[in-house]
Amino acid sequence: MGCRQRFQRTSLVRLIPANGHLRPADGSTFRGRGIYVCPLTRCLRRALRNPRLRAEPALRFDGLRQIVLNALVQRLDRSLRIALRRGAAVSGYEAIHDAIASSDEAPSVFDSESSPSQRSERLRRRSARFGVEWIRMPQVALAVDGPARPELRLAILDVRVVDELRSSIEAIVALGEH
C-alpha cells in the first residue's frame, strides 16, 4: 500500500488492525485482514490516506513510521537469530576469521562497530583478499526502541540470508533518515 509498485512481500511490512490499534504481523498469523505497507517514507505518507489504516484514529506519520521501523528491526533480529541457529552465520572474531579462511564462497560480514578497533581493521584488510563484502549496519538498525545494543559483527555464509538482511537494513536506513 502506498507507492503501488511491485515489491516482494518479504520487503513489505504487514500490519493488522486489532482493538483500535495497528500491530505488525511479525511472522505469526493474526486473524483479520492484513495491510501490506511499503517501508519507504513517501509510501507511508500516501498509505495514511487509506481508510483501512484508520483503525487507529489518532495515527499520524511519526506513529506509523515507528510501528513500521520497529517491525523491520524485529524482522532483522529474528533473521539474525535464525541464521545463527542454522549455522548460516557465525559471530566472534575467531569464528569470522575461520569462516573467511575456510569457506568455498566468500562470506559477507555485517558489522555495526561504530569505531573499528585495530583488530577488526586487520580482519577487514585480510578478508579483502578473499573477496569478502563488509556491510555496515547503521546504529538506527541496532537501537530503535530502547537502549543501544552492543556492537555486532557477523559473517553470513548463506547468500539468501545476505539478501534478506541487506533489504531489511536498507529499509531501516531509509526510514531512519526521515
N, C-alpha and C. Protein backbone atom coordinates (compact mmCIF):
# COMPACT_ATOMS: atom_id res chain seq x y z
N MET A 1 0.85 -1.16 0.00
CA MET A 1 0.00 0.00 0.00
C MET A 1 0.90 1.23 0.00
N GLY A 2 0.56 2.19 -0.76
CA GLY A 2 1.36 3.41 -0.77
C GLY A 2 1.84 3.74 -2.16
N CYS A 3 2.90 3.09 -2.61
CA CYS A 3 3.54 3.50 -3.85
C CYS A 3 3.00 2.79 -5.08
N ARG A 4 2.28 1.70 -4.88
CA ARG A 4 1.70 0.92 -5.98
C ARG A 4 2.76 0.31 -6.89
N GLN A 5 3.95 0.13 -6.40
CA GLN A 5 4.98 -0.58 -7.15
C GLN A 5 4.94 -2.04 -6.73
N ARG A 6 5.51 -2.90 -7.55
CA ARG A 6 5.55 -4.32 -7.21
C ARG A 6 6.80 -4.60 -6.39
N PHE A 7 6.60 -5.07 -5.19
CA PHE A 7 7.69 -5.49 -4.32
C PHE A 7 7.41 -6.91 -3.87
N GLN A 8 8.44 -7.64 -3.51
CA GLN A 8 8.23 -8.94 -2.89
C GLN A 8 7.61 -8.71 -1.52
N ARG A 9 6.77 -9.62 -1.10
CA ARG A 9 6.12 -9.44 0.19
C ARG A 9 7.12 -9.40 1.33
N THR A 10 8.28 -10.02 1.15
CA THR A 10 9.27 -10.01 2.22
C THR A 10 9.84 -8.63 2.47
N SER A 11 9.75 -7.73 1.49
CA SER A 11 10.27 -6.38 1.69
C SER A 11 9.20 -5.43 2.23
N LEU A 12 7.97 -5.91 2.33
CA LEU A 12 6.88 -5.10 2.86
C LEU A 12 6.64 -5.46 4.33
N VAL A 13 5.93 -4.60 5.03
CA VAL A 13 5.57 -4.85 6.42
C VAL A 13 4.06 -5.05 6.48
N ARG A 14 3.65 -6.15 7.09
CA ARG A 14 2.22 -6.44 7.20
C ARG A 14 1.71 -5.92 8.55
N LEU A 15 0.66 -5.12 8.49
CA LEU A 15 0.04 -4.56 9.69
C LEU A 15 -1.37 -5.12 9.81
N ILE A 16 -1.78 -5.36 11.05
CA ILE A 16 -3.11 -5.89 11.34
C ILE A 16 -3.85 -4.90 12.23
N PRO A 17 -5.02 -4.41 11.81
CA PRO A 17 -5.82 -3.59 12.72
C PRO A 17 -6.44 -4.49 13.79
N ALA A 18 -6.14 -4.21 15.05
CA ALA A 18 -6.66 -5.04 16.14
C ALA A 18 -6.97 -4.16 17.34
N ASN A 19 -8.19 -4.22 17.82
CA ASN A 19 -8.62 -3.47 19.00
C ASN A 19 -8.32 -1.98 18.90
N GLY A 20 -8.53 -1.41 17.74
CA GLY A 20 -8.32 0.02 17.58
C GLY A 20 -6.87 0.43 17.41
N HIS A 21 -5.97 -0.53 17.27
CA HIS A 21 -4.55 -0.22 17.08
C HIS A 21 -4.01 -1.03 15.91
N LEU A 22 -2.92 -0.57 15.35
CA LEU A 22 -2.23 -1.32 14.31
C LEU A 22 -1.10 -2.12 14.95
N ARG A 23 -1.04 -3.40 14.63
CA ARG A 23 0.03 -4.25 15.14
C ARG A 23 0.77 -4.85 13.96
N PRO A 24 2.09 -4.95 14.05
CA PRO A 24 2.81 -5.64 12.99
C PRO A 24 2.57 -7.14 13.10
N ALA A 25 2.34 -7.78 11.98
CA ALA A 25 2.20 -9.24 11.94
C ALA A 25 3.61 -9.79 11.81
N ASP A 26 4.19 -10.12 12.91
CA ASP A 26 5.61 -10.46 12.97
C ASP A 26 5.89 -11.93 12.70
N GLY A 27 5.38 -12.44 11.61
CA GLY A 27 5.65 -13.82 11.26
C GLY A 27 4.59 -14.78 11.78
N SER A 28 3.87 -14.40 12.81
CA SER A 28 2.81 -15.26 13.31
C SER A 28 1.51 -14.90 12.58
N THR A 29 0.55 -15.75 12.70
CA THR A 29 -0.71 -15.49 12.00
C THR A 29 -1.67 -14.77 12.92
N PHE A 30 -2.21 -13.69 12.43
CA PHE A 30 -3.22 -12.94 13.14
C PHE A 30 -4.50 -13.01 12.34
N ARG A 31 -5.60 -13.03 13.04
CA ARG A 31 -6.89 -13.02 12.36
C ARG A 31 -7.15 -11.62 11.83
N GLY A 32 -7.88 -11.57 10.76
CA GLY A 32 -8.23 -10.27 10.21
C GLY A 32 -7.48 -10.01 8.93
N ARG A 33 -7.89 -8.97 8.32
CA ARG A 33 -7.33 -8.62 7.02
C ARG A 33 -6.09 -7.77 7.23
N GLY A 34 -4.96 -8.24 6.76
CA GLY A 34 -3.72 -7.52 6.91
C GLY A 34 -3.53 -6.47 5.84
N ILE A 35 -2.70 -5.51 6.16
CA ILE A 35 -2.38 -4.43 5.24
C ILE A 35 -0.88 -4.48 5.01
N TYR A 36 -0.47 -4.67 3.77
CA TYR A 36 0.96 -4.66 3.46
C TYR A 36 1.37 -3.23 3.15
N VAL A 37 2.39 -2.75 3.85
CA VAL A 37 2.83 -1.37 3.72
C VAL A 37 4.27 -1.35 3.22
N CYS A 38 4.51 -0.53 2.22
CA CYS A 38 5.87 -0.31 1.73
C CYS A 38 6.60 0.58 2.74
N PRO A 39 7.83 0.22 3.14
CA PRO A 39 8.50 0.98 4.19
C PRO A 39 9.18 2.28 3.73
N LEU A 40 8.97 2.69 2.50
CA LEU A 40 9.56 3.95 2.06
C LEU A 40 8.76 5.12 2.63
N THR A 41 9.43 6.19 2.98
CA THR A 41 8.78 7.34 3.63
C THR A 41 7.64 7.90 2.80
N ARG A 42 7.87 8.09 1.51
CA ARG A 42 6.81 8.68 0.67
C ARG A 42 5.61 7.74 0.58
N CYS A 43 5.86 6.43 0.65
CA CYS A 43 4.76 5.47 0.59
C CYS A 43 3.96 5.45 1.89
N LEU A 44 4.65 5.61 3.01
CA LEU A 44 3.94 5.67 4.30
C LEU A 44 3.03 6.88 4.36
N ARG A 45 3.51 8.01 3.84
CA ARG A 45 2.68 9.22 3.82
C ARG A 45 1.41 8.99 2.98
N ARG A 46 1.59 8.34 1.85
CA ARG A 46 0.45 8.07 0.98
C ARG A 46 -0.48 7.02 1.60
N ALA A 47 0.10 6.05 2.30
CA ALA A 47 -0.70 4.99 2.91
C ALA A 47 -1.61 5.52 4.01
N LEU A 48 -1.21 6.60 4.66
CA LEU A 48 -2.03 7.17 5.73
C LEU A 48 -3.41 7.62 5.24
N ARG A 49 -3.53 7.86 3.95
CA ARG A 49 -4.81 8.30 3.39
C ARG A 49 -5.80 7.15 3.24
N ASN A 50 -5.31 5.91 3.33
CA ASN A 50 -6.16 4.76 3.12
C ASN A 50 -7.08 4.54 4.31
N PRO A 51 -8.37 4.32 4.06
CA PRO A 51 -9.31 4.14 5.16
C PRO A 51 -9.01 2.91 6.03
N ARG A 52 -8.35 1.90 5.49
CA ARG A 52 -8.05 0.71 6.29
C ARG A 52 -7.02 1.00 7.38
N LEU A 53 -6.26 2.07 7.24
CA LEU A 53 -5.30 2.43 8.28
C LEU A 53 -5.95 3.30 9.35
N ARG A 54 -7.21 3.57 9.21
CA ARG A 54 -7.88 4.42 10.19
C ARG A 54 -8.40 3.62 11.38
N ALA A 55 -7.89 2.39 11.54
CA ALA A 55 -8.26 1.60 12.73
C ALA A 55 -7.79 2.31 13.98
N GLU A 56 -6.73 3.06 13.83
CA GLU A 56 -6.20 3.86 14.93
C GLU A 56 -6.39 5.32 14.55
N PRO A 57 -7.47 5.95 14.99
CA PRO A 57 -7.84 7.28 14.51
C PRO A 57 -6.77 8.35 14.74
N ALA A 58 -6.03 8.25 15.81
CA ALA A 58 -5.04 9.29 16.13
C ALA A 58 -3.69 9.04 15.46
N LEU A 59 -3.64 8.06 14.56
CA LEU A 59 -2.37 7.70 13.94
C LEU A 59 -1.88 8.82 13.02
N ARG A 60 -0.67 9.22 13.23
CA ARG A 60 0.00 10.21 12.39
C ARG A 60 1.19 9.55 11.74
N PHE A 61 1.88 10.29 10.89
CA PHE A 61 3.02 9.74 10.16
C PHE A 61 4.09 9.19 11.10
N ASP A 62 4.46 9.96 12.12
CA ASP A 62 5.53 9.50 13.02
C ASP A 62 5.15 8.22 13.75
N GLY A 63 3.89 8.07 14.11
CA GLY A 63 3.44 6.85 14.76
C GLY A 63 3.51 5.65 13.83
N LEU A 64 3.05 5.84 12.59
CA LEU A 64 3.11 4.76 11.60
C LEU A 64 4.56 4.42 11.29
N ARG A 65 5.38 5.44 11.14
CA ARG A 65 6.81 5.23 10.87
C ARG A 65 7.45 4.41 11.98
N GLN A 66 7.13 4.72 13.24
CA GLN A 66 7.72 3.99 14.37
C GLN A 66 7.24 2.54 14.40
N ILE A 67 5.96 2.30 14.10
CA ILE A 67 5.43 0.94 14.06
C ILE A 67 6.17 0.13 13.00
N VAL A 68 6.32 0.70 11.81
CA VAL A 68 6.99 0.01 10.70
C VAL A 68 8.47 -0.19 11.00
N LEU A 69 9.12 0.83 11.55
CA LEU A 69 10.54 0.73 11.90
C LEU A 69 10.78 -0.36 12.93
N ASN A 70 9.95 -0.41 13.96
CA ASN A 70 10.08 -1.47 14.98
C ASN A 70 9.86 -2.85 14.37
N ALA A 71 8.89 -2.96 13.45
CA ALA A 71 8.64 -4.25 12.80
C ALA A 71 9.84 -4.68 11.97
N LEU A 72 10.47 -3.73 11.27
CA LEU A 72 11.65 -4.06 10.46
C LEU A 72 12.83 -4.49 11.33
N VAL A 73 13.02 -3.81 12.45
CA VAL A 73 14.12 -4.18 13.35
C VAL A 73 13.86 -5.56 13.96
N GLN A 74 12.61 -5.84 14.33
CA GLN A 74 12.29 -7.17 14.86
C GLN A 74 12.53 -8.24 13.80
N ARG A 75 12.20 -7.94 12.55
CA ARG A 75 12.44 -8.89 11.46
C ARG A 75 13.94 -9.13 11.29
N LEU A 76 14.73 -8.07 11.37
CA LEU A 76 16.18 -8.20 11.25
C LEU A 76 16.74 -9.05 12.39
N ASP A 77 16.30 -8.77 13.62
CA ASP A 77 16.74 -9.57 14.77
C ASP A 77 16.38 -11.04 14.60
N ARG A 78 15.14 -11.30 14.19
CA ARG A 78 14.70 -12.68 14.00
C ARG A 78 15.52 -13.38 12.92
N SER A 79 15.79 -12.68 11.82
CA SER A 79 16.60 -13.27 10.75
C SER A 79 18.00 -13.60 11.22
N LEU A 80 18.59 -12.70 12.01
CA LEU A 80 19.94 -12.96 12.53
C LEU A 80 19.96 -14.15 13.48
N ARG A 81 18.97 -14.24 14.35
CA ARG A 81 18.91 -15.37 15.29
C ARG A 81 18.75 -16.69 14.55
N ILE A 82 17.88 -16.71 13.55
CA ILE A 82 17.66 -17.93 12.77
C ILE A 82 18.92 -18.31 12.02
N ALA A 83 19.61 -17.33 11.43
CA ALA A 83 20.85 -17.61 10.70
C ALA A 83 21.91 -18.19 11.62
N LEU A 84 22.03 -17.65 12.82
CA LEU A 84 23.00 -18.18 13.79
C LEU A 84 22.62 -19.61 14.20
N ARG A 85 21.35 -19.84 14.45
CA ARG A 85 20.90 -21.17 14.87
C ARG A 85 21.11 -22.21 13.77
N ARG A 86 20.87 -21.83 12.51
CA ARG A 86 21.03 -22.76 11.39
C ARG A 86 22.48 -22.98 11.00
N GLY A 87 23.37 -22.16 11.51
CA GLY A 87 24.76 -22.28 11.11
C GLY A 87 25.07 -21.49 9.84
N ALA A 88 24.14 -20.64 9.42
CA ALA A 88 24.35 -19.82 8.23
C ALA A 88 25.09 -18.54 8.57
N ALA A 89 25.40 -18.35 9.85
CA ALA A 89 26.13 -17.16 10.30
C ALA A 89 26.99 -17.56 11.49
N VAL A 90 28.09 -16.85 11.64
CA VAL A 90 28.96 -17.04 12.80
C VAL A 90 29.28 -15.67 13.36
N SER A 91 29.55 -15.62 14.66
CA SER A 91 29.92 -14.36 15.28
C SER A 91 31.19 -14.55 16.08
N GLY A 92 31.83 -13.45 16.37
CA GLY A 92 33.09 -13.51 17.11
C GLY A 92 34.28 -13.44 16.16
N TYR A 93 35.32 -12.78 16.61
CA TYR A 93 36.49 -12.53 15.78
C TYR A 93 37.08 -13.82 15.21
N GLU A 94 37.34 -14.80 16.06
CA GLU A 94 37.99 -16.05 15.61
C GLU A 94 37.09 -16.83 14.66
N ALA A 95 35.79 -16.92 14.98
CA ALA A 95 34.87 -17.67 14.12
C ALA A 95 34.75 -17.01 12.75
N ILE A 96 34.72 -15.69 12.71
CA ILE A 96 34.65 -14.99 11.43
C ILE A 96 35.94 -15.21 10.65
N HIS A 97 37.07 -15.12 11.33
CA HIS A 97 38.37 -15.35 10.68
C HIS A 97 38.41 -16.76 10.08
N ASP A 98 37.98 -17.76 10.84
CA ASP A 98 37.98 -19.14 10.35
C ASP A 98 37.02 -19.31 9.17
N ALA A 99 35.85 -18.67 9.24
CA ALA A 99 34.87 -18.77 8.15
C ALA A 99 35.41 -18.16 6.87
N ILE A 100 36.12 -17.05 6.99
CA ILE A 100 36.70 -16.41 5.81
C ILE A 100 37.78 -17.29 5.21
N ALA A 101 38.60 -17.89 6.05
CA ALA A 101 39.72 -18.70 5.57
C ALA A 101 39.27 -20.03 4.99
N SER A 102 38.20 -20.62 5.53
CA SER A 102 37.84 -21.98 5.13
C SER A 102 36.64 -22.08 4.19
N SER A 103 35.94 -21.01 3.97
CA SER A 103 34.72 -21.06 3.16
C SER A 103 35.05 -21.15 1.68
N ASP A 104 34.24 -21.95 0.95
CA ASP A 104 34.40 -22.04 -0.50
C ASP A 104 33.97 -20.74 -1.16
N GLU A 105 32.89 -20.16 -0.66
CA GLU A 105 32.42 -18.88 -1.16
C GLU A 105 32.76 -17.82 -0.13
N ALA A 106 33.03 -16.62 -0.61
CA ALA A 106 33.37 -15.54 0.32
C ALA A 106 32.12 -15.14 1.09
N PRO A 107 32.17 -15.19 2.41
CA PRO A 107 31.00 -14.75 3.19
C PRO A 107 30.87 -13.24 3.17
N SER A 108 29.72 -12.76 3.58
CA SER A 108 29.53 -11.33 3.78
C SER A 108 29.58 -11.07 5.27
N VAL A 109 30.19 -9.96 5.67
CA VAL A 109 30.30 -9.63 7.08
C VAL A 109 29.44 -8.40 7.35
N PHE A 110 28.50 -8.54 8.28
CA PHE A 110 27.68 -7.43 8.74
C PHE A 110 28.34 -6.89 9.99
N ASP A 111 28.67 -5.62 9.97
CA ASP A 111 29.46 -5.03 11.04
C ASP A 111 28.77 -3.77 11.55
N SER A 112 28.57 -3.68 12.85
CA SER A 112 27.92 -2.50 13.42
C SER A 112 28.88 -1.64 14.21
N GLU A 113 30.14 -2.02 14.22
CA GLU A 113 31.10 -1.31 15.05
C GLU A 113 31.25 0.13 14.56
N SER A 114 30.95 1.07 15.43
CA SER A 114 30.98 2.48 15.02
C SER A 114 32.41 2.99 14.86
N SER A 115 33.32 2.56 15.71
CA SER A 115 34.72 2.93 15.56
C SER A 115 35.55 1.65 15.60
N PRO A 116 35.88 1.12 14.43
CA PRO A 116 36.55 -0.17 14.35
C PRO A 116 37.88 -0.19 15.11
N SER A 117 38.11 -1.30 15.79
CA SER A 117 39.37 -1.48 16.50
C SER A 117 40.46 -1.88 15.51
N GLN A 118 41.71 -1.86 15.98
CA GLN A 118 42.81 -2.28 15.12
C GLN A 118 42.64 -3.73 14.70
N ARG A 119 42.16 -4.55 15.63
CA ARG A 119 41.98 -5.97 15.35
C ARG A 119 40.95 -6.17 14.23
N SER A 120 39.84 -5.44 14.29
CA SER A 120 38.83 -5.60 13.25
C SER A 120 39.29 -5.01 11.92
N GLU A 121 40.09 -3.96 11.98
CA GLU A 121 40.64 -3.40 10.73
C GLU A 121 41.59 -4.40 10.07
N ARG A 122 42.39 -5.11 10.87
CA ARG A 122 43.27 -6.14 10.30
C ARG A 122 42.44 -7.24 9.65
N LEU A 123 41.36 -7.64 10.32
CA LEU A 123 40.49 -8.67 9.77
C LEU A 123 39.85 -8.18 8.47
N ARG A 124 39.45 -6.93 8.44
CA ARG A 124 38.85 -6.38 7.22
C ARG A 124 39.84 -6.36 6.06
N ARG A 125 41.08 -5.93 6.33
CA ARG A 125 42.10 -5.90 5.27
C ARG A 125 42.43 -7.31 4.79
N ARG A 126 42.58 -8.24 5.73
CA ARG A 126 42.92 -9.61 5.38
C ARG A 126 41.79 -10.25 4.58
N SER A 127 40.56 -9.98 4.96
CA SER A 127 39.42 -10.60 4.28
C SER A 127 39.19 -10.02 2.89
N ALA A 128 39.69 -8.81 2.63
CA ALA A 128 39.53 -8.21 1.30
C ALA A 128 40.21 -9.07 0.23
N ARG A 129 41.27 -9.76 0.62
CA ARG A 129 41.95 -10.64 -0.35
C ARG A 129 41.08 -11.82 -0.76
N PHE A 130 40.13 -12.19 0.09
CA PHE A 130 39.24 -13.32 -0.20
C PHE A 130 37.94 -12.88 -0.86
N GLY A 131 37.79 -11.59 -1.12
CA GLY A 131 36.57 -11.08 -1.75
C GLY A 131 35.39 -10.97 -0.81
N VAL A 132 35.65 -10.78 0.46
CA VAL A 132 34.59 -10.67 1.45
C VAL A 132 33.96 -9.28 1.38
N GLU A 133 32.64 -9.24 1.38
CA GLU A 133 31.92 -7.97 1.36
C GLU A 133 31.61 -7.57 2.81
N TRP A 134 31.98 -6.35 3.18
CA TRP A 134 31.67 -5.83 4.52
C TRP A 134 30.48 -4.90 4.39
N ILE A 135 29.44 -5.17 5.14
CA ILE A 135 28.22 -4.37 5.09
C ILE A 135 28.06 -3.68 6.43
N ARG A 136 27.99 -2.38 6.40
CA ARG A 136 27.88 -1.58 7.62
C ARG A 136 26.43 -1.59 8.11
N MET A 137 26.22 -2.00 9.34
CA MET A 137 24.89 -1.95 9.94
C MET A 137 24.79 -0.66 10.72
N PRO A 138 23.96 0.26 10.29
CA PRO A 138 23.87 1.56 10.95
C PRO A 138 23.27 1.44 12.34
N GLN A 139 23.56 2.41 13.17
CA GLN A 139 23.07 2.40 14.55
C GLN A 139 21.56 2.44 14.62
N VAL A 140 20.90 3.03 13.62
CA VAL A 140 19.44 3.07 13.65
C VAL A 140 18.87 1.66 13.59
N ALA A 141 19.60 0.72 12.99
CA ALA A 141 19.14 -0.66 12.92
C ALA A 141 19.34 -1.39 14.23
N LEU A 142 20.17 -0.84 15.10
CA LEU A 142 20.52 -1.54 16.33
C LEU A 142 19.85 -0.96 17.56
N ALA A 143 19.36 0.26 17.49
CA ALA A 143 18.77 0.88 18.68
C ALA A 143 17.58 1.74 18.29
N VAL A 144 16.50 1.11 17.93
CA VAL A 144 15.32 1.87 17.54
C VAL A 144 14.49 2.19 18.76
N ASP A 145 14.19 1.20 19.53
CA ASP A 145 13.31 1.37 20.68
C ASP A 145 14.03 0.83 21.90
N GLY A 146 14.49 1.69 22.76
CA GLY A 146 15.16 1.23 23.96
C GLY A 146 16.65 1.48 23.90
N PRO A 147 17.39 0.85 24.82
CA PRO A 147 18.83 1.11 24.91
C PRO A 147 19.58 0.55 23.71
N ALA A 148 20.73 1.13 23.44
CA ALA A 148 21.56 0.66 22.33
C ALA A 148 22.06 -0.74 22.62
N ARG A 149 22.16 -1.53 21.59
CA ARG A 149 22.67 -2.89 21.73
C ARG A 149 24.18 -2.86 21.62
N PRO A 150 24.83 -3.91 22.07
CA PRO A 150 26.28 -3.95 21.94
C PRO A 150 26.69 -4.04 20.47
N GLU A 151 27.95 -3.80 20.23
CA GLU A 151 28.47 -3.89 18.86
C GLU A 151 28.22 -5.30 18.33
N LEU A 152 27.96 -5.40 17.06
CA LEU A 152 27.58 -6.66 16.44
C LEU A 152 28.42 -6.87 15.20
N ARG A 153 28.98 -8.05 15.06
CA ARG A 153 29.71 -8.39 13.85
C ARG A 153 29.43 -9.86 13.55
N LEU A 154 28.90 -10.13 12.37
CA LEU A 154 28.55 -11.48 11.97
C LEU A 154 29.05 -11.76 10.57
N ALA A 155 29.54 -12.97 10.34
CA ALA A 155 29.84 -13.42 8.99
C ALA A 155 28.66 -14.26 8.54
N ILE A 156 28.04 -13.88 7.44
CA ILE A 156 26.89 -14.59 6.91
C ILE A 156 27.37 -15.46 5.76
N LEU A 157 27.09 -16.75 5.85
CA LEU A 157 27.62 -17.71 4.88
C LEU A 157 26.63 -18.07 3.79
N ASP A 158 25.37 -17.72 3.95
CA ASP A 158 24.32 -18.08 3.01
C ASP A 158 23.90 -16.83 2.22
N VAL A 159 23.97 -16.90 0.90
CA VAL A 159 23.67 -15.75 0.05
C VAL A 159 22.23 -15.28 0.22
N ARG A 160 21.29 -16.21 0.38
CA ARG A 160 19.89 -15.82 0.56
C ARG A 160 19.70 -15.01 1.83
N VAL A 161 20.39 -15.41 2.89
CA VAL A 161 20.30 -14.68 4.15
C VAL A 161 20.89 -13.28 3.98
N VAL A 162 21.99 -13.18 3.24
CA VAL A 162 22.62 -11.88 2.98
C VAL A 162 21.64 -10.95 2.28
N ASP A 163 20.96 -11.45 1.26
CA ASP A 163 20.00 -10.62 0.53
C ASP A 163 18.84 -10.18 1.42
N GLU A 164 18.35 -11.08 2.25
CA GLU A 164 17.25 -10.75 3.16
C GLU A 164 17.68 -9.69 4.17
N LEU A 165 18.87 -9.85 4.74
CA LEU A 165 19.36 -8.89 5.72
C LEU A 165 19.63 -7.54 5.07
N ARG A 166 20.21 -7.57 3.87
CA ARG A 166 20.51 -6.31 3.18
C ARG A 166 19.23 -5.53 2.90
N SER A 167 18.17 -6.21 2.46
CA SER A 167 16.92 -5.48 2.16
C SER A 167 16.31 -4.91 3.44
N SER A 168 16.40 -5.65 4.56
CA SER A 168 15.89 -5.12 5.83
C SER A 168 16.68 -3.90 6.27
N ILE A 169 18.00 -3.97 6.15
CA ILE A 169 18.85 -2.86 6.57
C ILE A 169 18.59 -1.63 5.71
N GLU A 170 18.44 -1.82 4.39
CA GLU A 170 18.18 -0.69 3.51
C GLU A 170 16.85 -0.01 3.86
N ALA A 171 15.84 -0.81 4.18
CA ALA A 171 14.54 -0.23 4.55
C ALA A 171 14.64 0.52 5.88
N ILE A 172 15.39 -0.05 6.83
CA ILE A 172 15.56 0.60 8.13
C ILE A 172 16.30 1.92 7.97
N VAL A 173 17.34 1.92 7.16
CA VAL A 173 18.12 3.14 6.93
C VAL A 173 17.24 4.20 6.26
N ALA A 174 16.45 3.78 5.28
CA ALA A 174 15.58 4.74 4.58
C ALA A 174 14.60 5.39 5.55
N LEU A 175 14.03 4.61 6.45
CA LEU A 175 13.09 5.17 7.43
C LEU A 175 13.81 5.97 8.50
N GLY A 176 15.01 5.54 8.85
CA GLY A 176 15.77 6.24 9.89
C GLY A 176 16.26 7.60 9.46
N GLU A 177 16.37 7.82 8.15
CA GLU A 177 16.86 9.10 7.64
C GLU A 177 15.76 10.14 7.53
N HIS A 178 14.56 9.77 7.92
CA HIS A 178 13.42 10.71 7.81
C HIS A 178 13.72 12.03 8.47
